[in-house]
N, C-alpha and C. Protein backbone atom coordinates (compact mmCIF):
# COMPACT_ATOMS: atom_id res chain seq x y z
N MET A 1 0.83 -1.19 0.00
CA MET A 1 0.00 0.00 0.00
C MET A 1 0.87 1.24 0.00
N ASP A 2 0.59 2.16 -0.91
CA ASP A 2 1.34 3.40 -0.97
C ASP A 2 0.94 4.31 0.18
N GLN A 3 1.89 5.09 0.65
CA GLN A 3 1.63 6.07 1.69
C GLN A 3 1.77 7.46 1.09
N GLU A 4 1.15 8.42 1.73
CA GLU A 4 1.23 9.80 1.28
C GLU A 4 2.04 10.62 2.26
N PHE A 5 2.62 11.70 1.75
CA PHE A 5 3.32 12.68 2.56
C PHE A 5 2.77 14.04 2.17
N HIS A 6 2.23 14.77 3.13
CA HIS A 6 1.62 16.08 2.88
C HIS A 6 2.46 17.17 3.54
N VAL A 7 2.56 18.29 2.85
CA VAL A 7 3.21 19.47 3.42
C VAL A 7 2.37 20.69 3.04
N SER A 8 2.17 21.55 4.02
CA SER A 8 1.40 22.79 3.83
C SER A 8 2.18 23.94 4.44
N SER A 9 1.98 25.12 3.87
CA SER A 9 2.54 26.31 4.49
C SER A 9 1.41 27.29 4.79
N LEU A 10 1.60 28.02 5.87
CA LEU A 10 0.60 28.97 6.35
C LEU A 10 1.27 30.29 6.70
N VAL A 11 0.50 31.34 6.62
CA VAL A 11 0.87 32.60 7.26
C VAL A 11 -0.16 32.80 8.37
N VAL A 12 0.34 32.89 9.58
CA VAL A 12 -0.52 33.05 10.75
C VAL A 12 -0.35 34.48 11.27
N LEU A 13 -1.45 35.20 11.36
CA LEU A 13 -1.44 36.56 11.88
C LEU A 13 -1.85 36.51 13.34
N THR A 14 -0.98 37.04 14.20
CA THR A 14 -1.22 37.00 15.64
C THR A 14 -1.28 38.42 16.20
N GLN A 15 -1.78 38.53 17.41
CA GLN A 15 -1.64 39.78 18.14
C GLN A 15 -0.15 39.93 18.43
N PRO A 16 0.47 41.03 17.99
CA PRO A 16 1.94 41.16 18.09
C PRO A 16 2.55 40.86 19.46
N PRO A 17 1.95 41.28 20.58
CA PRO A 17 2.59 40.97 21.85
C PRO A 17 2.64 39.46 22.17
N LEU A 18 1.81 38.67 21.50
CA LEU A 18 1.73 37.23 21.77
C LEU A 18 2.49 36.40 20.74
N ARG A 19 3.16 37.05 19.79
CA ARG A 19 3.74 36.32 18.66
C ARG A 19 4.75 35.25 19.07
N HIS A 20 5.61 35.54 20.03
CA HIS A 20 6.63 34.55 20.41
C HIS A 20 6.00 33.39 21.19
N GLN A 21 5.06 33.70 22.06
CA GLN A 21 4.35 32.64 22.81
C GLN A 21 3.59 31.74 21.84
N LEU A 22 2.91 32.33 20.88
CA LEU A 22 2.16 31.53 19.90
C LEU A 22 3.08 30.74 18.99
N ALA A 23 4.23 31.30 18.64
CA ALA A 23 5.20 30.56 17.84
C ALA A 23 5.65 29.30 18.58
N GLU A 24 5.85 29.41 19.88
CA GLU A 24 6.22 28.22 20.68
C GLU A 24 5.09 27.21 20.71
N GLN A 25 3.86 27.67 20.92
CA GLN A 25 2.71 26.76 20.98
C GLN A 25 2.50 26.06 19.64
N ILE A 26 2.58 26.80 18.56
CA ILE A 26 2.38 26.21 17.24
C ILE A 26 3.53 25.26 16.92
N GLY A 27 4.74 25.66 17.24
CA GLY A 27 5.90 24.81 16.98
C GLY A 27 5.87 23.49 17.74
N ALA A 28 5.10 23.44 18.83
CA ALA A 28 4.98 22.21 19.62
C ALA A 28 3.98 21.22 19.01
N LEU A 29 3.19 21.66 18.03
CA LEU A 29 2.24 20.75 17.39
C LEU A 29 2.99 19.72 16.56
N GLU A 30 2.44 18.53 16.47
CA GLU A 30 3.03 17.45 15.68
C GLU A 30 3.18 17.88 14.22
N GLY A 31 4.41 17.82 13.70
CA GLY A 31 4.66 18.12 12.30
C GLY A 31 4.77 19.59 11.97
N ALA A 32 4.72 20.47 12.98
CA ALA A 32 4.77 21.92 12.73
C ALA A 32 6.18 22.46 12.89
N GLU A 33 6.51 23.44 12.06
CA GLU A 33 7.78 24.12 12.18
C GLU A 33 7.56 25.60 11.88
N ILE A 34 8.18 26.46 12.69
CA ILE A 34 8.10 27.90 12.52
C ILE A 34 9.34 28.36 11.75
N HIS A 35 9.13 29.11 10.68
CA HIS A 35 10.25 29.55 9.86
C HIS A 35 10.56 31.04 10.02
N ALA A 36 9.58 31.82 10.44
CA ALA A 36 9.80 33.26 10.62
C ALA A 36 8.75 33.83 11.56
N VAL A 37 9.17 34.85 12.31
CA VAL A 37 8.27 35.61 13.19
C VAL A 37 8.58 37.08 12.97
N SER A 38 7.58 37.86 12.53
CA SER A 38 7.82 39.28 12.29
C SER A 38 7.38 40.11 13.50
N ASP A 39 7.90 41.31 13.57
CA ASP A 39 7.51 42.23 14.65
C ASP A 39 6.03 42.57 14.59
N GLU A 40 5.44 42.48 13.39
CA GLU A 40 4.02 42.79 13.21
C GLU A 40 3.11 41.64 13.64
N GLY A 41 3.70 40.49 13.99
CA GLY A 41 2.90 39.37 14.47
C GLY A 41 2.60 38.31 13.42
N LYS A 42 3.29 38.35 12.28
CA LYS A 42 3.09 37.33 11.26
C LYS A 42 4.07 36.18 11.47
N LEU A 43 3.54 34.95 11.38
CA LEU A 43 4.36 33.75 11.51
C LEU A 43 4.30 32.99 10.20
N VAL A 44 5.43 32.47 9.75
CA VAL A 44 5.47 31.57 8.61
C VAL A 44 5.64 30.17 9.18
N VAL A 45 4.68 29.29 8.84
CA VAL A 45 4.59 27.96 9.45
C VAL A 45 4.49 26.90 8.36
N THR A 46 5.18 25.77 8.54
CA THR A 46 4.92 24.61 7.70
C THR A 46 4.37 23.49 8.58
N LEU A 47 3.50 22.70 7.97
CA LEU A 47 2.92 21.53 8.61
C LEU A 47 3.18 20.33 7.71
N GLU A 48 3.63 19.23 8.30
CA GLU A 48 3.87 18.01 7.56
C GLU A 48 3.11 16.88 8.23
N GLY A 49 2.62 15.94 7.40
CA GLY A 49 1.90 14.80 7.97
C GLY A 49 1.63 13.74 6.93
N PRO A 50 1.11 12.59 7.39
CA PRO A 50 0.87 11.45 6.51
C PRO A 50 -0.41 11.54 5.70
N SER A 51 -1.27 12.52 6.00
CA SER A 51 -2.52 12.69 5.25
C SER A 51 -3.01 14.11 5.46
N GLN A 52 -4.08 14.45 4.75
CA GLN A 52 -4.64 15.80 4.88
C GLN A 52 -5.31 16.00 6.23
N ARG A 53 -5.82 14.94 6.82
CA ARG A 53 -6.57 15.06 8.08
C ARG A 53 -5.75 15.70 9.21
N PRO A 54 -4.53 15.22 9.52
CA PRO A 54 -3.78 15.89 10.61
C PRO A 54 -3.37 17.32 10.27
N ILE A 55 -3.17 17.61 8.99
CA ILE A 55 -2.86 18.99 8.58
C ILE A 55 -4.05 19.90 8.90
N MET A 56 -5.24 19.46 8.52
CA MET A 56 -6.44 20.26 8.78
C MET A 56 -6.71 20.38 10.28
N ALA A 57 -6.46 19.31 11.04
CA ALA A 57 -6.63 19.37 12.50
C ALA A 57 -5.67 20.39 13.11
N ALA A 58 -4.44 20.43 12.61
CA ALA A 58 -3.47 21.40 13.13
C ALA A 58 -3.89 22.82 12.78
N ILE A 59 -4.39 23.03 11.57
CA ILE A 59 -4.86 24.37 11.19
C ILE A 59 -6.02 24.79 12.09
N ASP A 60 -6.96 23.88 12.34
CA ASP A 60 -8.07 24.18 13.24
C ASP A 60 -7.56 24.53 14.64
N ALA A 61 -6.57 23.78 15.13
CA ALA A 61 -6.00 24.03 16.46
C ALA A 61 -5.33 25.41 16.50
N ILE A 62 -4.61 25.75 15.44
CA ILE A 62 -3.94 27.05 15.38
C ILE A 62 -4.98 28.17 15.39
N GLN A 63 -6.02 28.04 14.58
CA GLN A 63 -7.05 29.08 14.51
C GLN A 63 -7.78 29.26 15.84
N ALA A 64 -7.83 28.21 16.65
CA ALA A 64 -8.54 28.28 17.94
C ALA A 64 -7.67 28.86 19.07
N MET A 65 -6.38 29.04 18.82
CA MET A 65 -5.50 29.55 19.88
C MET A 65 -5.81 31.01 20.18
N PRO A 66 -5.96 31.36 21.46
CA PRO A 66 -6.17 32.77 21.81
C PRO A 66 -4.99 33.62 21.34
N GLY A 67 -5.30 34.71 20.66
CA GLY A 67 -4.27 35.59 20.14
C GLY A 67 -4.01 35.41 18.66
N VAL A 68 -4.53 34.32 18.08
CA VAL A 68 -4.41 34.13 16.63
C VAL A 68 -5.57 34.86 15.96
N LEU A 69 -5.24 35.75 15.04
CA LEU A 69 -6.26 36.51 14.32
C LEU A 69 -6.70 35.79 13.06
N SER A 70 -5.76 35.13 12.37
CA SER A 70 -6.10 34.35 11.18
C SER A 70 -4.97 33.39 10.86
N ALA A 71 -5.31 32.34 10.14
CA ALA A 71 -4.32 31.39 9.63
C ALA A 71 -4.68 31.12 8.18
N ALA A 72 -3.86 31.60 7.26
CA ALA A 72 -4.14 31.48 5.84
C ALA A 72 -3.27 30.39 5.22
N LEU A 73 -3.92 29.42 4.61
CA LEU A 73 -3.21 28.36 3.90
C LEU A 73 -2.65 28.96 2.61
N ILE A 74 -1.34 28.86 2.44
CA ILE A 74 -0.68 29.44 1.28
C ILE A 74 -0.36 28.36 0.25
N TYR A 75 0.00 27.17 0.72
CA TYR A 75 0.47 26.12 -0.18
C TYR A 75 0.18 24.76 0.44
N HIS A 76 -0.22 23.81 -0.40
CA HIS A 76 -0.40 22.42 0.05
C HIS A 76 0.01 21.50 -1.08
N GLN A 77 0.82 20.52 -0.75
CA GLN A 77 1.25 19.53 -1.74
C GLN A 77 1.31 18.17 -1.06
N PHE A 78 1.03 17.13 -1.84
CA PHE A 78 1.25 15.79 -1.33
C PHE A 78 1.90 14.94 -2.39
N ASP A 79 2.69 14.01 -1.92
CA ASP A 79 3.34 13.03 -2.78
C ASP A 79 3.04 11.66 -2.25
N GLU A 80 2.97 10.71 -3.16
CA GLU A 80 2.83 9.32 -2.74
C GLU A 80 4.20 8.73 -2.55
N LEU A 81 4.36 8.07 -1.40
CA LEU A 81 5.59 7.37 -1.09
C LEU A 81 5.30 5.89 -1.20
N GLY A 82 6.27 5.15 -1.65
CA GLY A 82 6.02 3.73 -1.58
C GLY A 82 6.35 2.98 -2.81
N GLY A 83 6.01 1.75 -2.69
CA GLY A 83 6.65 0.74 -3.47
C GLY A 83 6.15 0.49 -4.85
N HIS A 84 7.12 0.15 -5.60
CA HIS A 84 6.88 -0.38 -6.93
C HIS A 84 7.20 -1.83 -6.92
């Protein structure tokens, strides 16, 4: 059975005073990595996972965090891994 690998990128807009705290919380999610934090409160985030479901669950979790104003999906790609 082939497996999938999904990667998504997001721009997360936060309340600026909470940006570093939220970057830590988001970075602690399974498959999440923070690539940039701006003074204005924008975070560049990637999410990786074995299917679309955990990616969407992570986006929902990010949007529900107090201090997050929005989470915009910028890019999503998946590849099939596995055997021939």
